[in-house]
Structures are given as C-alpha cells and as structure tokens.
Amino acid sequence: MSTVNPAGNAGLHTGTDAPVHHTRRLSTETKAAFKTSEFFAYLAAVVAVLIASMVVGDDDGHADYFRADKAWLYVVILSVGYMISRGLAKSGSRDPYDESR
C-alpha cells in the first residue's frame, strides 16, 4: 500500500508531518569572502594604515601628521571599498557549488 502526499505525488513520507523538499544547488554566486584575494588585500591595507598611524608620531617637536582619527577614517573608507567590491563580485558571476562549503 502506498501513500500519497497532499500534492498528489507518491512519496516516501507517511504520517502527519509535512514533507521536506530539498533542492539541490548547482552554483553559488561567488566564493566565500574569506577565500578571496581581495579579503587578504583588505586586511593587509587595514593593518598597514593602523601601523603607519602608530609609527608616525610627534617626534622632534613636530605635530602628529597621521593622527588616530585620520587612520580610522581611512579604515572606514577601505571597508566601504571592500563592501562595494564584494557587491560587484556578487552581482551575477557564478561559482560552481560543491557540498564542502
């Protein structure tokens, strides 16, 4: 004796629970963010800006030319640029999907 689910298809499901439909993904839009070279370039740029801000100081009686507020402004600008680049990368390109992601 076979059972029929409400959609009219013969299925393996019996009982009162709703059937679970699993769709198979064939591709994703892009790679995961941490697997891209632009992510590592972003991290390197942020670290370089913060180190430069720390190193450039007020030696020999000169004013501090690269203050912390300016460094953090550059980090924010880098972050916005990174987000825009990820948005452009996700806007239609496809990456093959495998189950290991």
C-alpha atoms as a PDB file:
ATOM      1  CA  MET A   1       0.000   0.000   0.000  1.00  0.00           C
ATOM      2  CA  SER A   2       1.437   3.370  -0.960  1.00  0.00           C
ATOM      3  CA  THR A   3       0.560   6.722   0.466  1.00  0.00           C
ATOM      4  CA  VAL A   4       0.010   9.906  -1.467  1.00  0.00           C
ATOM      5  CA  ASN A   5       1.022  13.310  -0.125  1.00  0.00           C
ATOM      6  CA  PRO A   6      -1.320  16.337  -0.455  1.00  0.00           C
ATOM      7  CA  ALA A   7       0.356  17.441  -3.681  1.00  0.00           C
ATOM      8  CA  GLY A   8      -0.754  14.220  -5.329  1.00  0.00           C
ATOM      9  CA  ASN A   9       2.696  12.713  -5.718  1.00  0.00           C
ATOM     10  CA  ALA A  10       3.525   9.296  -4.382  1.00  0.00           C
ATOM     11  CA  GLY A  11       6.172   9.741  -1.787  1.00  0.00           C
ATOM     12  CA  LEU A  12       8.185   8.121   0.918  1.00  0.00           C
ATOM     13  CA  HIS A  13       6.518  10.248   3.553  1.00  0.00           C
ATOM     14  CA  THR A  14       3.857   8.743   5.747  1.00  0.00           C
ATOM     15  CA  GLY A  15       2.202  10.281   8.747  1.00  0.00           C
ATOM     16  CA  THR A  16       1.071  13.773   9.598  1.00  0.00           C
ATOM     17  CA  ASP A  17       4.397  15.644   9.306  1.00  0.00           C
ATOM     18  CA  ALA A  18       4.847  17.919   6.328  1.00  0.00           C
ATOM     19  CA  PRO A  19       7.181  16.516   3.652  1.00  0.00           C
ATOM     20  CA  VAL A  20      10.609  18.111   3.439  1.00  0.00           C
ATOM     21  CA  HIS A  21      11.725  19.196  -0.008  1.00  0.00           C
ATOM     22  CA  HIS A  22      15.453  19.527  -0.566  1.00  0.00           C
ATOM     23  CA  THR A  23      16.517  21.438  -3.639  1.00  0.00           C
ATOM     24  CA  ARG A  24      19.990  20.796  -4.939  1.00  0.00           C
ATOM     25  CA  ARG A  25      22.130  23.866  -5.508  1.00  0.00           C
ATOM     26  CA  LEU A  26      24.226  23.775  -8.642  1.00  0.00           C
ATOM     27  CA  SER A  27      26.115  27.021  -8.111  1.00  0.00           C
ATOM     28  CA  THR A  28      26.627  29.874  -5.691  1.00  0.00           C
ATOM     29  CA  GLU A  29      27.065  33.474  -6.707  1.00  0.00           C
ATOM     30  CA  THR A  30      30.680  33.781  -5.588  1.00  0.00           C
ATOM     31  CA  LYS A  31      33.255  32.262  -3.295  1.00  0.00           C
ATOM     32  CA  ALA A  32      33.036  32.806   0.419  1.00  0.00           C
ATOM     33  CA  ALA A  33      34.507  36.203   1.342  1.00  0.00           C
ATOM     34  CA  PHE A  34      37.388  34.816   3.384  1.00  0.00           C
ATOM     35  CA  LYS A  35      38.544  32.700   0.410  1.00  0.00           C
ATOM     36  CA  THR A  36      39.211  35.681  -1.868  1.00  0.00           C
ATOM     37  CA  SER A  37      42.419  37.586  -2.516  1.00  0.00           C
ATOM     38  CA  GLU A  38      40.614  40.909  -2.087  1.00  0.00           C
ATOM     39  CA  PHE A  39      39.854  39.982   1.527  1.00  0.00           C
ATOM     40  CA  PHE A  40      43.532  39.444   2.272  1.00  0.00           C
ATOM     41  CA  ALA A  41      44.451  42.670   0.449  1.00  0.00           C
ATOM     42  CA  TYR A  42      41.845  44.489   2.557  1.00  0.00           C
ATOM     43  CA  LEU A  43      43.249  43.056   5.786  1.00  0.00           C
ATOM     44  CA  ALA A  44      46.805  43.970   4.776  1.00  0.00           C
ATOM     45  CA  ALA A  45      45.752  47.540   3.938  1.00  0.00           C
ATOM     46  CA  VAL A  46      43.943  47.967   7.262  1.00  0.00           C
ATOM     47  CA  VAL A  47      46.925  46.660   9.206  1.00  0.00           C
ATOM     48  CA  ALA A  48      49.279  48.915   7.207  1.00  0.00           C
ATOM     49  CA  VAL A  49      47.159  52.009   7.899  1.00  0.00           C
ATOM     50  CA  LEU A  50      46.983  51.273  11.622  1.00  0.00           C
ATOM     51  CA  ILE A  51      50.718  50.559  11.884  1.00  0.00           C
ATOM     52  CA  ALA A  52      51.549  53.708   9.918  1.00  0.00           C
ATOM     53  CA  SER A  53      49.349  55.733  12.258  1.00  0.00           C
ATOM     54  CA  MET A  54      51.140  54.278  15.242  1.00  0.00           C
ATOM     55  CA  VAL A  55      54.646  54.800  13.825  1.00  0.00           C
ATOM     56  CA  VAL A  56      54.189  58.337  12.505  1.00  0.00           C
ATOM     57  CA  GLY A  57      54.201  60.437  15.612  1.00  0.00           C
ATOM     58  CA  ASP A  58      55.138  63.784  17.026  1.00  0.00           C
ATOM     59  CA  ASP A  59      58.903  63.256  17.189  1.00  0.00           C
ATOM     60  CA  ASP A  60      61.334  66.193  17.312  1.00  0.00           C
ATOM     61  CA  GLY A  61      58.658  68.682  18.287  1.00  0.00           C
ATOM     62  CA  HIS A  62      56.621  68.282  15.084  1.00  0.00           C
ATOM     63  CA  ALA A  63      52.874  67.883  15.063  1.00  0.00           C
ATOM     64  CA  ASP A  64      51.355  64.439  14.694  1.00  0.00           C
ATOM     65  CA  TYR A  65      50.675  64.277  10.952  1.00  0.00           C
ATOM     66  CA  PHE A  66      48.791  60.987  10.959  1.00  0.00           C
ATOM     67  CA  ARG A  67      46.503  61.024  13.971  1.00  0.00           C
ATOM     68  CA  ALA A  68      44.300  58.119  15.028  1.00  0.00           C
ATOM     69  CA  ASP A  69      41.084  59.774  13.822  1.00  0.00           C
ATOM     70  CA  LYS A  70      42.502  60.103  10.311  1.00  0.00           C
ATOM     71  CA  ALA A  71      43.698  56.471  10.402  1.00  0.00           C
ATOM     72  CA  TRP A  72      40.253  55.225  11.402  1.00  0.00           C
ATOM     73  CA  LEU A  73      38.686  57.345   8.660  1.00  0.00           C
ATOM     74  CA  TYR A  74      40.937  55.537   6.176  1.00  0.00           C
ATOM     75  CA  VAL A  75      39.936  52.181   7.664  1.00  0.00           C
ATOM     76  CA  VAL A  76      36.267  53.092   7.180  1.00  0.00           C
ATOM     77  CA  ILE A  77      36.962  54.143   3.579  1.00  0.00           C
ATOM     78  CA  LEU A  78      38.774  50.839   2.983  1.00  0.00           C
ATOM     79  CA  SER A  79      35.819  48.959   4.494  1.00  0.00           C
ATOM     80  CA  VAL A  80      33.316  50.714   2.244  1.00  0.00           C
ATOM     81  CA  GLY A  81      35.518  49.990  -0.767  1.00  0.00           C
ATOM     82  CA  TYR A  82      35.727  46.340   0.219  1.00  0.00           C
ATOM     83  CA  MET A  83      31.950  46.097   0.609  1.00  0.00           C
ATOM     84  CA  ILE A  84      31.437  47.671  -2.810  1.00  0.00           C
ATOM     85  CA  SER A  85      33.929  45.263  -4.387  1.00  0.00           C
ATOM     86  CA  ARG A  86      32.139  42.284  -2.824  1.00  0.00           C
ATOM     87  CA  GLY A  87      28.814  43.609  -4.061  1.00  0.00           C
ATOM     88  CA  LEU A  88      30.179  43.921  -7.584  1.00  0.00           C
ATOM     89  CA  ALA A  89      31.645  40.432  -7.372  1.00  0.00           C
ATOM     90  CA  LYS A  90      28.278  39.019  -6.307  1.00  0.00           C
ATOM     91  CA  SER A  91      26.306  40.814  -8.988  1.00  0.00           C
ATOM     92  CA  GLY A  92      25.919  37.975 -11.414  1.00  0.00           C
ATOM     93  CA  SER A  93      29.077  35.901 -11.502  1.00  0.00           C
ATOM     94  CA  ARG A  94      28.713  32.224 -10.709  1.00  0.00           C
ATOM     95  CA  ASP A  95      30.990  29.849  -8.860  1.00  0.00           C
ATOM     96  CA  PRO A  96      30.461  26.079  -9.054  1.00  0.00           C
ATOM     97  CA  TYR A  97      28.862  24.718  -5.904  1.00  0.00           C
ATOM     98  CA  ASP A  98      30.144  21.693  -4.075  1.00  0.00           C
ATOM     99  CA  GLU A  99      28.950  20.180  -0.829  1.00  0.00           C
ATOM    100  CA  SER A 100      32.159  21.017   1.078  1.00  0.00           C
ATOM    101  CA  ARG A 101      31.259  24.698   1.607  1.00  0.00           C
END
